[in-house]
Amino acid sequence: MNRAKIGVETQMEGINKISSNVCPVPTAIMKESANLLFRVPVFLSHPSRLNTVQHQFVDAMIRQIKKALLFPRTLPETEQYPETPLTNIRRMIINSYGMVALNLRQQKVKIIKNNLNEPIGEKVWEGSPFAQIEPGMAYQYGLPLLLIRETGVESKGIWAFGIGPFLILEWDSTVPNPIETFFARNDWKSIFQNWMGYVRTGYYIQTQPEFKYSCATDKD
């Protein structure tokens, strides 16, 4: 047997060994990429100071968003850039395809009088100032908005009914089982599905090629 024939047989044995190997199990980093990084990113806006029930509500909202195969991004939990807050917010909005904003109770204040010296004596819950800034910037950029306000928080600015072309859901944290009750509501399910449709449509539109190389149009 000549050397050329021996070399060919050796090479074939090597190929057979490679082809017979079992496919390797995906590594941890591959699994992480499949589970998180390749979902459509959305901006989840919520205050950083949360009580126990509010914290549970935010966690439940994150699970709902992830269940829809979207990736909830928050400042500063999931990411933070070494820049000023407004720049960070703008960067998050530009790199997201939708926003869920939660306007939750932060502090209860008593309004004594207004600038006309008219007595008021009313007690209201204030939300975070960023609950006005972040949805306002997202609306200017054109992101699909899903706004949820905790019952009792003052309805001012973008959170006033009739100001923006979107519906505002209310979450009552004082009812029995407040989290399960909210996510079982039909208005939540309907509005969330509608918002999710806008998010995915925007994602597919914005990830199309910038330039077209033919005049042909896609037909059903």
C-alpha atoms as a PDB file:
ATOM      1  CA  MET A   1       0.000   0.000   0.000  1.00  0.00           C
ATOM      2  CA  ASN A   2       1.493   3.303  -1.062  1.00  0.00           C
ATOM      3  CA  ARG A   3       1.794   6.393   1.090  1.00  0.00           C
ATOM      4  CA  ALA A   4      -0.843   8.366  -0.892  1.00  0.00           C
ATOM      5  CA  LYS A   5      -3.478   5.719  -0.257  1.00  0.00           C
ATOM      6  CA  ILE A   6      -2.579   5.548   3.436  1.00  0.00           C
ATOM      7  CA  GLY A   7      -2.911   9.348   3.669  1.00  0.00           C
ATOM      8  CA  VAL A   8      -6.365   9.336   2.061  1.00  0.00           C
ATOM      9  CA  GLU A   9      -7.598   6.608   4.405  1.00  0.00           C
ATOM     10  CA  THR A  10      -6.272   8.495   7.445  1.00  0.00           C
ATOM     11  CA  GLN A  11      -8.011  11.663   6.291  1.00  0.00           C
ATOM     12  CA  MET A  12     -11.325   9.832   5.795  1.00  0.00           C
ATOM     13  CA  GLU A  13     -11.090   8.331   9.286  1.00  0.00           C
ATOM     14  CA  GLY A  14     -10.663  11.844  10.707  1.00  0.00           C
ATOM     15  CA  ILE A  15     -13.709  13.111   8.813  1.00  0.00           C
ATOM     16  CA  ASN A  16     -15.810  10.173  10.003  1.00  0.00           C
ATOM     17  CA  LYS A  17     -14.803  10.847  13.612  1.00  0.00           C
ATOM     18  CA  ILE A  18     -15.780  14.534  13.316  1.00  0.00           C
ATOM     19  CA  SER A  19     -19.134  13.797  11.659  1.00  0.00           C
ATOM     20  CA  SER A  20     -20.013  11.191  14.265  1.00  0.00           C
ATOM     21  CA  ASN A  21     -19.485  13.518  17.231  1.00  0.00           C
ATOM     22  CA  VAL A  22     -22.564  14.622  19.196  1.00  0.00           C
ATOM     23  CA  CYS A  23     -23.527  18.291  18.799  1.00  0.00           C
ATOM     24  CA  PRO A  24     -22.071  20.201  21.783  1.00  0.00           C
ATOM     25  CA  VAL A  25     -24.393  21.689  24.400  1.00  0.00           C
ATOM     26  CA  PRO A  26     -24.772  25.491  24.062  1.00  0.00           C
ATOM     27  CA  THR A  27     -22.603  27.430  26.473  1.00  0.00           C
ATOM     28  CA  ALA A  28     -24.008  29.659  29.217  1.00  0.00           C
ATOM     29  CA  ILE A  29     -23.294  32.840  27.257  1.00  0.00           C
ATOM     30  CA  MET A  30     -25.061  31.416  24.191  1.00  0.00           C
ATOM     31  CA  LYS A  31     -28.121  30.610  26.300  1.00  0.00           C
ATOM     32  CA  GLU A  32     -28.082  34.106  27.801  1.00  0.00           C
ATOM     33  CA  SER A  33     -28.000  35.656  24.343  1.00  0.00           C
ATOM     34  CA  ALA A  34     -30.915  33.524  23.213  1.00  0.00           C
ATOM     35  CA  ASN A  35     -32.950  34.296  26.318  1.00  0.00           C
ATOM     36  CA  LEU A  36     -32.374  38.042  26.653  1.00  0.00           C
ATOM     37  CA  LEU A  37     -30.280  40.003  24.227  1.00  0.00           C
ATOM     38  CA  PHE A  38     -32.164  39.311  21.021  1.00  0.00           C
ATOM     39  CA  ARG A  39     -35.596  40.411  22.209  1.00  0.00           C
ATOM     40  CA  VAL A  40     -37.049  43.698  21.017  1.00  0.00           C
ATOM     41  CA  PRO A  41     -35.924  46.335  23.554  1.00  0.00           C
ATOM     42  CA  VAL A  42     -38.494  48.594  25.237  1.00  0.00           C
ATOM     43  CA  PHE A  43     -38.031  51.306  27.868  1.00  0.00           C
ATOM     44  CA  LEU A  44     -39.658  50.590  31.247  1.00  0.00           C
ATOM     45  CA  SER A  45     -39.902  53.881  33.139  1.00  0.00           C
ATOM     46  CA  HIS A  46     -40.546  53.735  36.881  1.00  0.00           C
ATOM     47  CA  PRO A  47     -39.407  55.655  39.993  1.00  0.00           C
ATOM     48  CA  SER A  48     -36.401  54.372  41.890  1.00  0.00           C
ATOM     49  CA  ARG A  49     -38.020  54.771  45.332  1.00  0.00           C
ATOM     50  CA  LEU A  50     -40.537  51.927  45.709  1.00  0.00           C
ATOM     51  CA  ASN A  51     -42.426  50.455  48.636  1.00  0.00           C
ATOM     52  CA  THR A  52     -42.993  46.707  48.908  1.00  0.00           C
ATOM     53  CA  VAL A  53     -46.228  46.553  46.895  1.00  0.00           C
ATOM     54  CA  GLN A  54     -44.878  48.910  44.219  1.00  0.00           C
ATOM     55  CA  HIS A  55     -41.737  46.802  43.931  1.00  0.00           C
ATOM     56  CA  GLN A  56     -43.844  43.688  43.426  1.00  0.00           C
ATOM     57  CA  PHE A  57     -45.882  45.499  40.769  1.00  0.00           C
ATOM     58  CA  VAL A  58     -42.762  46.551  38.849  1.00  0.00           C
ATOM     59  CA  ASP A  59     -41.409  42.983  39.030  1.00  0.00           C
ATOM     60  CA  ALA A  60     -44.741  41.650  37.732  1.00  0.00           C
ATOM     61  CA  MET A  61     -44.666  44.192  34.891  1.00  0.00           C
ATOM     62  CA  ILE A  62     -41.175  43.048  33.930  1.00  0.00           C
ATOM     63  CA  ARG A  63     -42.386  39.448  33.800  1.00  0.00           C
ATOM     64  CA  GLN A  64     -45.328  40.438  31.594  1.00  0.00           C
ATOM     65  CA  ILE A  65     -43.041  42.282  29.163  1.00  0.00           C
ATOM     66  CA  LYS A  66     -40.514  39.442  29.017  1.00  0.00           C
ATOM     67  CA  LYS A  67     -43.321  36.923  28.533  1.00  0.00           C
ATOM     68  CA  ALA A  68     -44.253  38.889  25.392  1.00  0.00           C
ATOM     69  CA  LEU A  69     -40.646  38.331  24.176  1.00  0.00           C
ATOM     70  CA  LEU A  70     -39.755  41.970  24.644  1.00  0.00           C
ATOM     71  CA  PHE A  71     -36.712  43.120  26.607  1.00  0.00           C
ATOM     72  CA  PRO A  72     -37.477  45.690  29.354  1.00  0.00           C
ATOM     73  CA  ARG A  73     -34.698  48.229  29.830  1.00  0.00           C
ATOM     74  CA  THR A  74     -34.587  50.511  32.865  1.00  0.00           C
ATOM     75  CA  LEU A  75     -32.396  53.285  34.181  1.00  0.00           C
ATOM     76  CA  PRO A  76     -30.205  52.638  36.066  1.00  0.00           C
ATOM     77  CA  GLU A  77     -30.919  48.930  36.727  1.00  0.00           C
ATOM     78  CA  THR A  78     -30.165  47.328  33.357  1.00  0.00           C
ATOM     79  CA  GLU A  79     -27.861  50.013  32.018  1.00  0.00           C
ATOM     80  CA  GLN A  80     -26.400  53.393  32.814  1.00  0.00           C
ATOM     81  CA  TYR A  81     -24.233  55.639  30.677  1.00  0.00           C
ATOM     82  CA  PRO A  82     -21.598  58.060  32.097  1.00  0.00           C
ATOM     83  CA  GLU A  83     -23.629  61.077  31.055  1.00  0.00           C
ATOM     84  CA  THR A  84     -26.269  63.428  32.458  1.00  0.00           C
ATOM     85  CA  PRO A  85     -29.785  62.048  33.165  1.00  0.00           C
ATOM     86  CA  LEU A  86     -31.451  63.728  30.174  1.00  0.00           C
ATOM     87  CA  THR A  87     -28.775  62.388  27.835  1.00  0.00           C
ATOM     88  CA  ASN A  88     -29.187  58.909  29.314  1.00  0.00           C
ATOM     89  CA  ILE A  89     -32.963  59.089  28.826  1.00  0.00           C
ATOM     90  CA  ARG A  90     -32.601  60.272  25.235  1.00  0.00           C
ATOM     91  CA  ARG A  91     -30.145  57.469  24.461  1.00  0.00           C
ATOM     92  CA  MET A  92     -32.506  54.873  25.936  1.00  0.00           C
ATOM     93  CA  ILE A  93     -35.461  56.225  23.959  1.00  0.00           C
ATOM     94  CA  ILE A  94     -33.576  56.318  20.659  1.00  0.00           C
ATOM     95  CA  ASN A  95     -32.526  52.681  21.152  1.00  0.00           C
ATOM     96  CA  SER A  96     -35.962  51.396  22.181  1.00  0.00           C
ATOM     97  CA  TYR A  97     -39.103  50.531  20.210  1.00  0.00           C
ATOM     98  CA  GLY A  98     -41.719  51.314  22.852  1.00  0.00           C
ATOM     99  CA  MET A  99     -42.217  52.599  26.397  1.00  0.00           C
ATOM    100  CA  VAL A 100     -44.138  51.486  29.462  1.00  0.00           C
ATOM    101  CA  ALA A 101     -44.278  54.299  32.034  1.00  0.00           C
ATOM    102  CA  LEU A 102     -45.396  53.790  35.632  1.00  0.00           C
ATOM    103  CA  ASN A 103     -46.445  56.871  37.601  1.00  0.00           C
ATOM    104  CA  LEU A 104     -46.402  55.617  41.208  1.00  0.00           C
ATOM    105  CA  ARG A 105     -46.991  57.335  44.525  1.00  0.00           C
ATOM    106  CA  GLN A 106     -43.871  59.053  45.850  1.00  0.00           C
ATOM    107  CA  GLN A 107     -44.934  61.541  48.513  1.00  0.00           C
ATOM    108  CA  LYS A 108     -48.201  62.869  49.883  1.00  0.00           C
ATOM    109  CA  VAL A 109     -48.438  66.648  50.099  1.00  0.00           C
ATOM    110  CA  LYS A 110     -51.023  69.135  51.321  1.00  0.00           C
ATOM    111  CA  ILE A 111     -51.785  72.016  48.969  1.00  0.00           C
ATOM    112  CA  ILE A 112     -52.459  75.021  51.162  1.00  0.00           C
ATOM    113  CA  LYS A 113     -53.212  77.653  48.519  1.00  0.00           C
ATOM    114  CA  ASN A 114     -52.508  78.527  44.901  1.00  0.00           C
ATOM    115  CA  ASN A 115     -50.683  81.518  43.389  1.00  0.00           C
ATOM    116  CA  LEU A 116     -53.879  83.583  43.653  1.00  0.00           C
ATOM    117  CA  ASN A 117     -53.901  83.113  47.435  1.00  0.00           C
ATOM    118  CA  GLU A 118     -57.044  81.007  47.130  1.00  0.00           C
ATOM    119  CA  PRO A 119     -57.222  78.391  49.927  1.00  0.00           C
ATOM    120  CA  ILE A 120     -57.307  74.792  48.771  1.00  0.00           C
ATOM    121  CA  GLY A 121     -56.434  72.473  51.667  1.00  0.00           C
ATOM    122  CA  GLU A 122     -56.278  69.376  49.479  1.00  0.00           C
ATOM    123  CA  LYS A 123     -53.986  66.372  49.974  1.00  0.00           C
ATOM    124  CA  VAL A 124     -52.581  64.655  46.866  1.00  0.00           C
ATOM    125  CA  TRP A 125     -49.964  62.084  45.978  1.00  0.00           C
ATOM    126  CA  GLU A 126     -47.087  63.291  43.824  1.00  0.00           C
ATOM    127  CA  GLY A 127     -45.268  61.114  41.323  1.00  0.00           C
ATOM    128  CA  SER A 128     -41.661  61.320  40.198  1.00  0.00           C
ATOM    129  CA  PRO A 129     -40.671  64.332  38.023  1.00  0.00           C
ATOM    130  CA  PHE A 130     -39.200  61.841  35.542  1.00  0.00           C
ATOM    131  CA  ALA A 131     -42.702  60.398  35.088  1.00  0.00           C
ATOM    132  CA  GLN A 132     -43.387  63.601  33.148  1.00  0.00           C
ATOM    133  CA  ILE A 133     -40.013  63.936  31.410  1.00  0.00           C
ATOM    134  CA  GLU A 134     -39.509  60.410  30.081  1.00  0.00           C
ATOM    135  CA  PRO A 135     -42.966  59.798  28.508  1.00  0.00           C
ATOM    136  CA  GLY A 136     -42.889  63.334  27.066  1.00  0.00           C
ATOM    137  CA  MET A 137     -39.549  62.683  25.355  1.00  0.00           C
ATOM    138  CA  ALA A 138     -40.758  59.278  24.158  1.00  0.00           C
ATOM    139  CA  TYR A 139     -43.905  60.800  22.663  1.00  0.00           C
ATOM    140  CA  GLN A 140     -41.835  63.446  20.863  1.00  0.00           C
ATOM    141  CA  TYR A 141     -39.723  60.654  19.364  1.00  0.00           C
ATOM    142  CA  GLY A 142     -42.863  58.722  18.344  1.00  0.00           C
ATOM    143  CA  LEU A 143     -42.545  55.627  20.527  1.00  0.00           C
ATOM    144  CA  PRO A 144     -45.710  53.630  21.302  1.00  0.00           C
ATOM    145  CA  LEU A 145     -46.656  54.547  24.878  1.00  0.00           C
ATOM    146  CA  LEU A 146     -48.342  52.470  27.577  1.00  0.00           C
ATOM    147  CA  LEU A 147     -49.057  54.658  30.633  1.00  0.00           C
ATOM    148  CA  ILE A 148     -50.112  53.281  34.017  1.00  0.00           C
ATOM    149  CA  ARG A 149     -50.874  55.575  36.954  1.00  0.00           C
ATOM    150  CA  GLU A 150     -51.303  54.467  40.545  1.00  0.00           C
ATOM    151  CA  THR A 151     -54.671  55.557  41.914  1.00  0.00           C
ATOM    152  CA  GLY A 152     -54.402  58.800  43.870  1.00  0.00           C
ATOM    153  CA  VAL A 153     -51.436  60.252  42.001  1.00  0.00           C
ATOM    154  CA  GLU A 154     -52.292  63.718  40.673  1.00  0.00           C
ATOM    155  CA  SER A 155     -53.457  63.782  37.069  1.00  0.00           C
ATOM    156  CA  LYS A 156     -51.322  66.575  35.686  1.00  0.00           C
ATOM    157  CA  GLY A 157     -49.201  67.148  32.613  1.00  0.00           C
ATOM    158  CA  ILE A 158     -48.960  64.183  30.303  1.00  0.00           C
ATOM    159  CA  TRP A 159     -50.957  62.151  32.871  1.00  0.00           C
ATOM    160  CA  ALA A 160     -54.059  64.310  32.563  1.00  0.00           C
ATOM    161  CA  PHE A 161     -56.857  62.521  30.732  1.00  0.00           C
ATOM    162  CA  GLY A 162     -57.394  63.920  27.237  1.00  0.00           C
ATOM    163  CA  ILE A 163     -53.933  65.526  26.911  1.00  0.00           C
ATOM    164  CA  GLY A 164     -52.322  62.823  24.778  1.00  0.00           C
ATOM    165  CA  PRO A 165     -53.719  60.508  22.098  1.00  0.00           C
ATOM    166  CA  PHE A 166     -53.430  57.444  24.311  1.00  0.00           C
ATOM    167  CA  LEU A 167     -55.312  55.726  27.114  1.00  0.00           C
ATOM    168  CA  ILE A 168     -54.060  55.791  30.700  1.00  0.00           C
ATOM    169  CA  LEU A 169     -54.602  52.738  32.879  1.00  0.00           C
ATOM    170  CA  GLU A 170     -55.009  53.022  36.646  1.00  0.00           C
ATOM    171  CA  TRP A 171     -53.564  50.597  39.161  1.00  0.00           C
ATOM    172  CA  ASP A 172     -55.195  50.513  42.598  1.00  0.00           C
ATOM    173  CA  SER A 173     -52.622  49.320  45.131  1.00  0.00           C
ATOM    174  CA  THR A 174     -55.141  49.301  48.005  1.00  0.00           C
ATOM    175  CA  VAL A 175     -57.502  46.559  46.803  1.00  0.00           C
ATOM    176  CA  PRO A 176     -57.088  42.905  47.857  1.00  0.00           C
ATOM    177  CA  ASN A 177     -54.524  41.145  45.647  1.00  0.00           C
ATOM    178  CA  PRO A 178     -53.724  44.389  43.771  1.00  0.00           C
ATOM    179  CA  ILE A 179     -51.247  42.851  41.329  1.00  0.00           C
ATOM    180  CA  GLU A 180     -53.282  39.784  40.335  1.00  0.00           C
ATOM    181  CA  THR A 181     -56.408  41.926  40.076  1.00  0.00           C
ATOM    182  CA  PHE A 182     -54.760  44.402  37.699  1.00  0.00           C
ATOM    183  CA  PHE A 183     -53.278  41.859  35.305  1.00  0.00           C
ATOM    184  CA  ALA A 184     -56.568  39.941  35.173  1.00  0.00           C
ATOM    185  CA  ARG A 185     -58.451  42.999  33.908  1.00  0.00           C
ATOM    186  CA  ASN A 186     -59.695  42.992  30.314  1.00  0.00           C
ATOM    187  CA  ASP A 187     -58.687  46.617  29.690  1.00  0.00           C
ATOM    188  CA  TRP A 188     -55.069  45.786  30.635  1.00  0.00           C
ATOM    189  CA  LYS A 189     -55.008  42.748  28.343  1.00  0.00           C
ATOM    190  CA  SER A 190     -56.522  44.674  25.424  1.00  0.00           C
ATOM    191  CA  ILE A 191     -54.338  47.776  25.713  1.00  0.00           C
ATOM    192  CA  PHE A 192     -51.181  45.730  26.300  1.00  0.00           C
ATOM    193  CA  GLN A 193     -51.824  43.602  23.211  1.00  0.00           C
ATOM    194  CA  ASN A 194     -52.519  46.711  21.148  1.00  0.00           C
ATOM    195  CA  TRP A 195     -49.332  48.399  22.393  1.00  0.00           C
ATOM    196  CA  MET A 196     -47.328  45.256  21.722  1.00  0.00           C
ATOM    197  CA  GLY A 197     -48.575  45.216  18.124  1.00  0.00           C
ATOM    198  CA  TYR A 198     -47.401  48.797  17.570  1.00  0.00           C
ATOM    199  CA  VAL A 199     -44.003  47.961  19.088  1.00  0.00           C
ATOM    200  CA  ARG A 200     -43.416  44.995  16.797  1.00  0.00           C
ATOM    201  CA  THR A 201     -44.649  46.874  13.733  1.00  0.00           C
ATOM    202  CA  GLY A 202     -42.258  49.720  14.505  1.00  0.00           C
ATOM    203  CA  TYR A 203     -39.411  47.272  15.005  1.00  0.00           C
ATOM    204  CA  TYR A 204     -39.920  45.634  11.613  1.00  0.00           C
ATOM    205  CA  ILE A 205     -40.307  48.987   9.842  1.00  0.00           C
ATOM    206  CA  GLN A 206     -37.200  50.516  11.395  1.00  0.00           C
ATOM    207  CA  THR A 207     -35.033  47.457  10.754  1.00  0.00           C
ATOM    208  CA  GLN A 208     -35.768  47.450   7.018  1.00  0.00           C
ATOM    209  CA  PRO A 209     -32.871  48.423   4.685  1.00  0.00           C
ATOM    210  CA  GLU A 210     -32.441  52.176   4.434  1.00  0.00           C
ATOM    211  CA  PHE A 211     -32.136  52.119   0.643  1.00  0.00           C
ATOM    212  CA  LYS A 212     -34.286  50.326  -1.924  1.00  0.00           C
ATOM    213  CA  TYR A 213     -32.603  48.932  -5.029  1.00  0.00           C
ATOM    214  CA  SER A 214     -35.744  48.228  -7.032  1.00  0.00           C
ATOM    215  CA  CYS A 215     -39.208  49.678  -7.565  1.00  0.00           C
ATOM    216  CA  ALA A 216     -40.912  46.377  -6.897  1.00  0.00           C
ATOM    217  CA  THR A 217     -43.321  46.262  -3.985  1.00  0.00           C
ATOM    218  CA  ASP A 218     -44.098  43.298  -1.797  1.00  0.00           C
ATOM    219  CA  LYS A 219     -47.476  41.716  -2.470  1.00  0.00           C
ATOM    220  CA  ASP A 220     -49.449  39.360  -0.271  1.00  0.00           C
END
